[in-house]
Amino acid sequence: MVVPVPIDPTGQSGPTPGQARGRRWRRTSAGMYVPADVDSGRVEQRIVEAAAVLGPHGAVTGWAALCWSGARWFDGSDGRPVVIATHVNLRPDPRWVPCKEGIDPRDHDRVDGLPVTTAVRSVCFEARHAPDVATAVVALDMAAYSDLASLEECRVYTQWRLRTWTGVPQLRAALVLADENSWAPTESAMRLVWTDAGGMPRPLCNRPVFDLDGRHLGTPDLIDAELGVVGEYDGKDHFSSARRARDLTREERFRTHGLEPVTMVGADLADPAAFVARLRAAYQRASRRPAAERRWTLAQPRRWIPTETVAQRRALDPWDRARLLRHRRAESR
């Protein structure tokens, strides 16, 4: 990334006035420049250029702070402007959105030299200012996915540091619905459809399932721990012939052990009616299944290392973290 620099009459630390007017430099904000060949489309560069206008005591916040701190799912691919917490009066600019909410000194952080708000403050900001509760839930889920903020940390922060701030009722509602073990925004969306439009009990997220001898059958996206209804989200990466073959084998393995799979696809996110019908049919079949056919359990064998919570994942050493969590990146979409 290239940090914007001011004009330097000597040309040593920045462009001279003449160079700044030429084609080899690009103006990023008032009096600040980067070389013209720097890619302004990269999300990290967008964040760096926005940070150049912060002024004293300001910080990048919201999705951009989470992105800069390493959150996988806050990648700026939707083109949203960078949110900057600052009291500087700035000219309107589509690249960033100033926010004049106060920042407690305890909420300041610096990551790789860039001033950002802490992960807990940043994700709570995202959830408070999200367009709806569902979007707020996804933000909390995905910050937890990267282990940047636990739900308990967010609850404590909300209780003691936010209280009557804008959007706190929505944040509190989202905290009730959020989960620390969702692996992708689409999984979070499926979970919310499952309980809201579907009207079914809240499922567990990415909980490993075993046969009665302790062999791992698979880790479905969602599972009803009581009836064994299993929810899977199939994104575009599931449509290749090889992947589809693996999915069908896995589905059959679930069925032969007494589980009842149901699948959501991308079109169901826009109009969940068809998925809801499949979900309710799966629940009806599961409710009629004799108890003797249940050959699965969520009880983890002693050798198993659980990774369902932020606390459990943070406690892993680097080797176990790389070994036990690599499948999340391979499976998530």
Protein backbone atom coordinates (compact mmCIF):
# COMPACT_ATOMS: atom_id res chain seq x y z
CA MET A 1 0.00 0.00 0.00
CA VAL A 2 1.15 3.55 -0.67
CA VAL A 3 0.50 6.22 1.94
CA PRO A 4 -0.48 9.60 0.48
CA VAL A 5 2.13 12.32 0.97
CA PRO A 6 1.97 16.13 0.84
CA ILE A 7 3.80 18.31 -1.63
CA ASP A 8 7.51 18.69 -0.90
CA PRO A 9 9.28 21.59 -2.63
CA THR A 10 12.50 19.54 -2.57
CA GLY A 11 10.84 16.51 -4.18
CA GLN A 12 12.36 14.13 -1.62
CA SER A 13 9.37 13.05 0.47
CA GLY A 14 6.63 13.98 -1.97
CA PRO A 15 6.02 15.59 -5.34
CA THR A 16 7.11 19.13 -6.04
CA PRO A 17 4.31 21.57 -6.92
CA GLY A 18 5.11 21.10 -10.60
CA GLN A 19 5.17 17.30 -10.34
CA ALA A 20 1.85 17.30 -8.49
CA ARG A 21 0.26 18.99 -11.48
CA GLY A 22 1.63 16.39 -13.88
CA ARG A 23 0.44 12.95 -14.94
CA ARG A 24 2.73 10.94 -12.69
CA TRP A 25 0.94 11.82 -9.47
CA ARG A 26 -2.67 11.38 -8.41
CA ARG A 27 -4.38 13.63 -5.88
CA THR A 28 -6.14 11.58 -3.20
CA SER A 29 -7.45 14.43 -1.04
CA ALA A 30 -6.66 18.07 -0.33
CA GLY A 31 -2.89 18.44 -0.58
CA MET A 32 -2.18 14.68 -0.55
CA TYR A 33 -0.80 12.60 -3.45
CA VAL A 34 0.26 9.13 -4.49
CA PRO A 35 2.02 8.01 -7.69
CA ALA A 36 -0.46 7.78 -10.56
CA ASP A 37 0.17 4.08 -11.12
CA VAL A 38 -1.03 3.15 -7.60
CA ASP A 39 -4.21 1.07 -7.92
CA SER A 40 -6.96 3.02 -6.20
CA GLY A 41 -9.36 0.10 -6.62
CA ARG A 42 -7.66 -2.16 -4.09
CA VAL A 43 -9.60 -2.09 -0.85
CA GLU A 44 -6.49 -1.68 1.28
CA GLN A 45 -5.41 1.32 -0.78
CA ARG A 46 -8.87 2.83 -0.47
CA ILE A 47 -8.61 2.52 3.31
CA VAL A 48 -5.13 4.05 3.41
CA GLU A 49 -6.23 7.00 1.30
CA ALA A 50 -9.28 7.58 3.49
CA ALA A 51 -7.13 7.46 6.62
CA ALA A 52 -5.06 10.34 5.24
CA VAL A 53 -7.92 12.76 5.93
CA LEU A 54 -8.61 11.66 9.51
CA GLY A 55 -6.97 14.48 11.37
CA PRO A 56 -5.89 14.18 15.02
CA HIS A 57 -7.65 11.58 17.19
CA GLY A 58 -9.58 10.14 14.23
CA ALA A 59 -9.72 6.49 13.19
CA VAL A 60 -11.04 4.20 10.50
CA THR A 61 -14.04 2.28 11.84
CA GLY A 62 -16.80 -0.11 10.79
CA TRP A 63 -16.23 -2.64 8.02
CA ALA A 64 -12.98 -1.00 6.87
CA ALA A 65 -11.37 -1.28 10.32
CA LEU A 66 -12.36 -4.94 10.46
CA CYS A 67 -10.98 -5.50 6.96
CA TRP A 68 -7.69 -3.85 7.88
CA SER A 69 -7.53 -5.96 11.04
CA GLY A 70 -7.76 -9.17 8.99
CA ALA A 71 -11.48 -10.02 8.92
CA ARG A 72 -11.96 -12.24 5.88
CA TRP A 73 -15.56 -11.40 5.09
CA PHE A 74 -15.25 -7.60 5.30
CA ASP A 75 -13.43 -7.25 2.00
CA GLY A 76 -15.02 -4.10 0.59
CA SER A 77 -16.07 -5.95 -2.55
CA ASP A 78 -19.49 -4.30 -2.42
CA GLY A 79 -17.86 -0.91 -3.01
CA ARG A 80 -19.08 0.63 0.22
CA PRO A 81 -17.33 3.85 1.24
CA VAL A 82 -14.81 3.75 4.07
CA VAL A 83 -16.27 4.96 7.37
CA ILE A 84 -13.96 7.35 9.20
CA ALA A 85 -14.55 8.57 12.73
CA THR A 86 -13.32 12.15 12.76
CA HIS A 87 -14.33 15.61 13.91
CA VAL A 88 -12.62 17.22 10.91
CA ASN A 89 -15.05 19.00 8.59
CA LEU A 90 -14.59 17.27 5.25
CA ARG A 91 -15.92 17.98 1.80
CA PRO A 92 -18.40 15.37 0.52
CA ASP A 93 -16.56 12.50 -1.16
CA PRO A 94 -18.06 9.20 -2.39
CA ARG A 95 -14.97 7.30 -1.22
CA TRP A 96 -15.56 7.82 2.49
CA VAL A 97 -18.26 8.66 5.02
CA PRO A 98 -17.33 10.80 8.04
CA CYS A 99 -18.89 9.87 11.37
CA LYS A 100 -18.70 12.33 14.25
CA GLU A 101 -19.61 9.91 17.01
CA GLY A 102 -17.14 10.30 19.84
CA ILE A 103 -14.36 7.76 20.24
CA ASP A 104 -13.39 6.72 23.74
CA PRO A 105 -9.57 6.64 24.01
CA ARG A 106 -9.89 2.96 24.94
CA ASP A 107 -11.44 2.33 21.52
CA HIS A 108 -8.39 3.54 19.62
CA ASP A 109 -6.07 0.97 18.11
CA ARG A 110 -3.26 1.01 15.58
CA VAL A 111 -2.83 -1.89 13.17
CA ASP A 112 0.18 -1.87 10.85
CA GLY A 113 0.53 1.84 11.49
CA LEU A 114 -3.06 2.74 10.59
CA PRO A 115 -5.37 4.27 13.24
CA VAL A 116 -8.48 2.13 13.58
CA THR A 117 -11.11 1.55 16.21
CA THR A 118 -10.96 -1.74 18.11
CA ALA A 119 -12.63 -4.75 16.55
CA VAL A 120 -15.41 -4.79 19.15
CA ARG A 121 -16.18 -1.11 18.61
CA SER A 122 -15.98 -1.55 14.82
CA VAL A 123 -18.38 -4.49 14.58
CA CYS A 124 -20.81 -2.90 17.04
CA PHE A 125 -20.75 0.18 14.80
CA GLU A 126 -21.51 -2.02 11.79
CA ALA A 127 -24.40 -3.70 13.57
CA ARG A 128 -25.83 -0.43 14.89
CA HIS A 129 -25.80 1.22 11.48
CA ALA A 130 -26.81 -1.83 9.42
CA PRO A 131 -29.97 -1.42 7.31
CA ASP A 132 -31.76 -4.18 9.25
CA VAL A 133 -31.33 -6.74 12.01
CA ALA A 134 -30.44 -9.55 9.58
CA THR A 135 -27.52 -7.57 8.16
CA ALA A 136 -26.42 -6.73 11.69
CA VAL A 137 -26.43 -10.44 12.59
CA VAL A 138 -24.23 -11.25 9.61
CA ALA A 139 -21.74 -8.56 10.68
CA LEU A 140 -21.50 -9.99 14.21
CA ASP A 141 -21.22 -13.55 12.88
CA MET A 142 -18.43 -12.68 10.49
CA ALA A 143 -16.39 -10.70 13.02
CA ALA A 144 -16.61 -13.76 15.26
CA TYR A 145 -15.59 -16.00 12.34
CA SER A 146 -12.24 -14.19 12.26
CA ASP A 147 -12.03 -14.31 16.08
CA LEU A 148 -11.74 -10.52 16.23
CA ALA A 149 -14.71 -10.06 18.57
CA SER A 150 -16.68 -12.54 20.64
CA LEU A 151 -20.38 -12.08 21.23
CA GLU A 152 -19.76 -11.74 24.96
CA GLU A 153 -17.25 -8.95 24.33
CA CYS A 154 -19.86 -7.20 22.20
CA ARG A 155 -22.55 -7.65 24.85
CA VAL A 156 -20.35 -6.19 27.57
CA TYR A 157 -19.31 -3.31 25.32
CA THR A 158 -22.93 -2.59 24.44
CA GLN A 159 -24.01 -2.66 28.08
CA TRP A 160 -21.27 -0.44 29.49
CA ARG A 161 -20.05 1.72 26.63
CA LEU A 162 -22.96 2.33 24.26
CA ARG A 163 -26.24 2.22 26.15
CA THR A 164 -28.32 4.93 24.42
CA TRP A 165 -26.25 5.40 21.25
CA THR A 166 -27.83 5.31 17.80
CA GLY A 167 -28.81 1.80 16.73
CA VAL A 168 -28.30 0.09 20.09
CA PRO A 169 -31.77 -1.58 20.08
CA GLN A 170 -30.92 -3.16 16.72
CA LEU A 171 -27.50 -4.23 18.01
CA ARG A 172 -29.06 -5.88 21.05
CA ALA A 173 -31.59 -7.69 18.88
CA ALA A 174 -28.80 -8.92 16.59
CA LEU A 175 -26.71 -10.14 19.52
CA VAL A 176 -29.55 -12.46 20.53
CA LEU A 177 -29.57 -14.02 17.05
CA ALA A 178 -25.83 -14.06 16.27
CA ASP A 179 -23.61 -17.14 16.37
CA GLU A 180 -19.83 -17.50 16.71
CA ASN A 181 -19.54 -20.53 14.42
CA SER A 182 -21.07 -19.43 11.12
CA TRP A 183 -18.53 -19.85 8.32
CA ALA A 184 -19.99 -17.52 5.70
CA PRO A 185 -22.58 -14.75 5.30
CA THR A 186 -24.77 -17.10 3.26
CA GLU A 187 -24.84 -19.58 6.15
CA SER A 188 -25.93 -16.80 8.49
CA ALA A 189 -28.67 -15.81 6.05
CA MET A 190 -29.85 -19.42 5.80
CA ARG A 191 -30.02 -19.70 9.58
CA LEU A 192 -32.20 -16.60 9.80
CA VAL A 193 -34.56 -17.89 7.10
CA TRP A 194 -34.70 -21.23 8.95
CA THR A 195 -36.02 -19.60 12.14
CA ASP A 196 -37.87 -16.58 10.74
CA ALA A 197 -39.69 -17.50 7.52
CA GLY A 198 -39.34 -21.21 8.27
CA GLY A 199 -40.55 -20.91 11.86
CA MET A 200 -38.31 -23.77 12.98
CA PRO A 201 -36.18 -24.07 16.14
CA ARG A 202 -32.79 -22.38 16.06
CA PRO A 203 -30.23 -24.80 14.60
CA LEU A 204 -26.61 -25.26 15.62
CA CYS A 205 -23.92 -23.96 13.27
CA ASN A 206 -21.17 -26.18 11.85
CA ARG A 207 -21.40 -28.74 14.62
CA PRO A 208 -19.50 -31.97 13.88
CA VAL A 209 -21.69 -35.06 13.69
CA PHE A 210 -20.45 -38.55 14.58
CA ASP A 211 -21.73 -42.08 14.29
CA LEU A 212 -22.30 -44.06 17.47
CA ASP A 213 -18.73 -45.39 17.32
CA GLY A 214 -17.26 -41.87 17.29
CA ARG A 215 -16.46 -41.68 13.57
CA HIS A 216 -16.89 -38.23 12.05
CA LEU A 217 -19.75 -38.22 9.54
CA GLY A 218 -19.43 -34.58 8.55
CA THR A 219 -19.90 -31.01 9.73
CA PRO A 220 -23.11 -29.63 8.21
CA ASP A 221 -23.73 -25.91 7.96
CA LEU A 222 -26.77 -26.21 10.24
CA ILE A 223 -28.32 -29.00 12.29
CA ASP A 224 -31.38 -29.35 14.47
CA ALA A 225 -29.90 -31.19 17.45
CA GLU A 226 -33.22 -32.78 18.33
CA LEU A 227 -34.68 -34.05 15.07
CA GLY A 228 -31.52 -34.28 12.99
CA VAL A 229 -32.60 -31.97 10.17
CA VAL A 230 -29.39 -30.89 8.44
CA GLY A 231 -29.10 -27.67 6.44
CA GLU A 232 -26.50 -27.16 3.71
CA TYR A 233 -25.91 -24.05 1.61
CA ASP A 234 -24.66 -24.88 -1.89
CA GLY A 235 -22.91 -21.94 -3.51
CA LYS A 236 -21.45 -21.76 -7.00
CA ASP A 237 -18.43 -23.84 -6.00
CA HIS A 238 -20.74 -26.80 -5.36
CA PHE A 239 -21.88 -27.01 -8.97
CA SER A 240 -18.77 -28.65 -10.45
CA SER A 241 -19.23 -32.35 -11.20
CA ALA A 242 -16.52 -33.45 -8.76
CA ARG A 243 -17.88 -31.32 -5.92
CA ARG A 244 -21.44 -32.37 -6.63
CA ALA A 245 -20.41 -36.01 -6.45
CA ARG A 246 -18.83 -35.44 -3.03
CA ASP A 247 -21.93 -33.60 -1.85
CA LEU A 248 -24.20 -36.46 -2.91
CA THR A 249 -22.00 -39.01 -1.14
CA ARG A 250 -22.06 -36.90 2.02
CA GLU A 251 -25.84 -36.46 1.78
CA GLU A 252 -26.33 -40.20 1.47
CA ARG A 253 -24.04 -40.79 4.47
CA PHE A 254 -26.17 -38.43 6.52
CA ARG A 255 -29.41 -40.13 5.44
CA THR A 256 -28.20 -43.65 6.20
CA HIS A 257 -27.40 -42.56 9.74
CA GLY A 258 -30.84 -41.10 10.34
CA LEU A 259 -30.29 -37.45 9.45
CA GLU A 260 -32.59 -35.47 7.15
CA PRO A 261 -30.69 -33.10 4.79
CA VAL A 262 -32.18 -30.00 3.18
CA THR A 263 -30.30 -27.71 0.79
CA MET A 264 -30.45 -23.98 0.10
CA VAL A 265 -29.09 -22.47 -3.13
CA GLY A 266 -28.37 -18.89 -4.13
CA ALA A 267 -31.80 -18.23 -5.64
CA ASP A 268 -33.40 -19.07 -2.29
CA LEU A 269 -31.80 -16.04 -0.66
CA ALA A 270 -33.81 -13.65 -2.83
CA ASP A 271 -37.01 -15.68 -2.55
CA PRO A 272 -36.89 -18.23 0.29
CA ALA A 273 -40.36 -19.68 -0.29
CA ALA A 274 -39.11 -22.83 -2.04
CA PHE A 275 -36.46 -23.45 0.61
CA VAL A 276 -39.00 -22.95 3.39
CA ALA A 277 -41.24 -25.57 1.75
CA ARG A 278 -38.32 -28.02 1.53
CA LEU A 279 -37.36 -27.26 5.14
CA ARG A 280 -40.85 -27.93 6.46
CA ALA A 281 -41.07 -31.15 4.46
CA ALA A 282 -37.73 -32.25 5.92
CA TYR A 283 -39.03 -31.58 9.43
CA GLN A 284 -42.14 -33.63 8.72
CA ARG A 285 -40.05 -36.57 7.50
CA ALA A 286 -37.68 -36.26 10.46
CA SER A 287 -40.54 -36.21 12.96
CA ARG A 288 -41.85 -39.51 11.55
CA ARG A 289 -38.48 -41.24 11.64
CA PRO A 290 -38.33 -44.01 14.30
CA ALA A 291 -35.88 -43.36 17.14
CA ALA A 292 -34.19 -46.68 16.35
CA GLU A 293 -32.97 -45.21 13.05
CA ARG A 294 -31.00 -42.49 14.82
CA ARG A 295 -27.42 -43.62 14.39
CA TRP A 296 -25.76 -40.24 14.91
CA THR A 297 -24.68 -38.11 17.83
CA LEU A 298 -23.27 -34.66 18.55
CA ALA A 299 -21.30 -36.01 21.51
CA GLN A 300 -17.66 -35.43 20.65
CA PRO A 301 -15.12 -38.20 21.25
CA ARG A 302 -12.36 -37.42 23.73
CA ARG A 303 -9.78 -37.00 20.99
CA TRP A 304 -11.80 -34.20 19.35
CA ILE A 305 -10.69 -30.58 19.85
CA PRO A 306 -13.74 -28.28 19.78
CA THR A 307 -13.58 -25.06 17.74
CA GLU A 308 -17.16 -23.81 17.97
CA THR A 309 -16.52 -20.60 19.91
CA VAL A 310 -14.20 -17.63 19.62
CA ALA A 311 -12.66 -18.53 22.99
CA GLN A 312 -11.93 -22.09 21.87
CA ARG A 313 -10.32 -20.93 18.63
CA ARG A 314 -8.26 -18.23 20.31
CA ALA A 315 -6.90 -20.86 22.70
CA LEU A 316 -5.44 -22.94 19.85
CA ASP A 317 -1.72 -22.85 19.28
CA PRO A 318 -0.60 -21.80 15.76
CA TRP A 319 -0.13 -25.40 14.59
CA ASP A 320 -3.56 -26.55 15.77
CA ARG A 321 -5.16 -23.39 14.41
CA ALA A 322 -3.76 -24.00 10.94
CA ARG A 323 -4.65 -27.70 11.07
CA LEU A 324 -8.13 -27.49 12.56
CA LEU A 325 -9.46 -24.37 10.87
CA ARG A 326 -8.15 -24.78 7.32
CA HIS A 327 -11.35 -26.56 6.28
CA ARG A 328 -13.38 -23.44 7.10
CA ARG A 329 -11.70 -21.53 4.27
CA ALA A 330 -12.06 -24.46 1.90
CA GLU A 331 -15.74 -24.99 2.68
CA SER A 332 -17.00 -21.42 3.19
CA ARG A 333 -18.53 -19.43 0.36
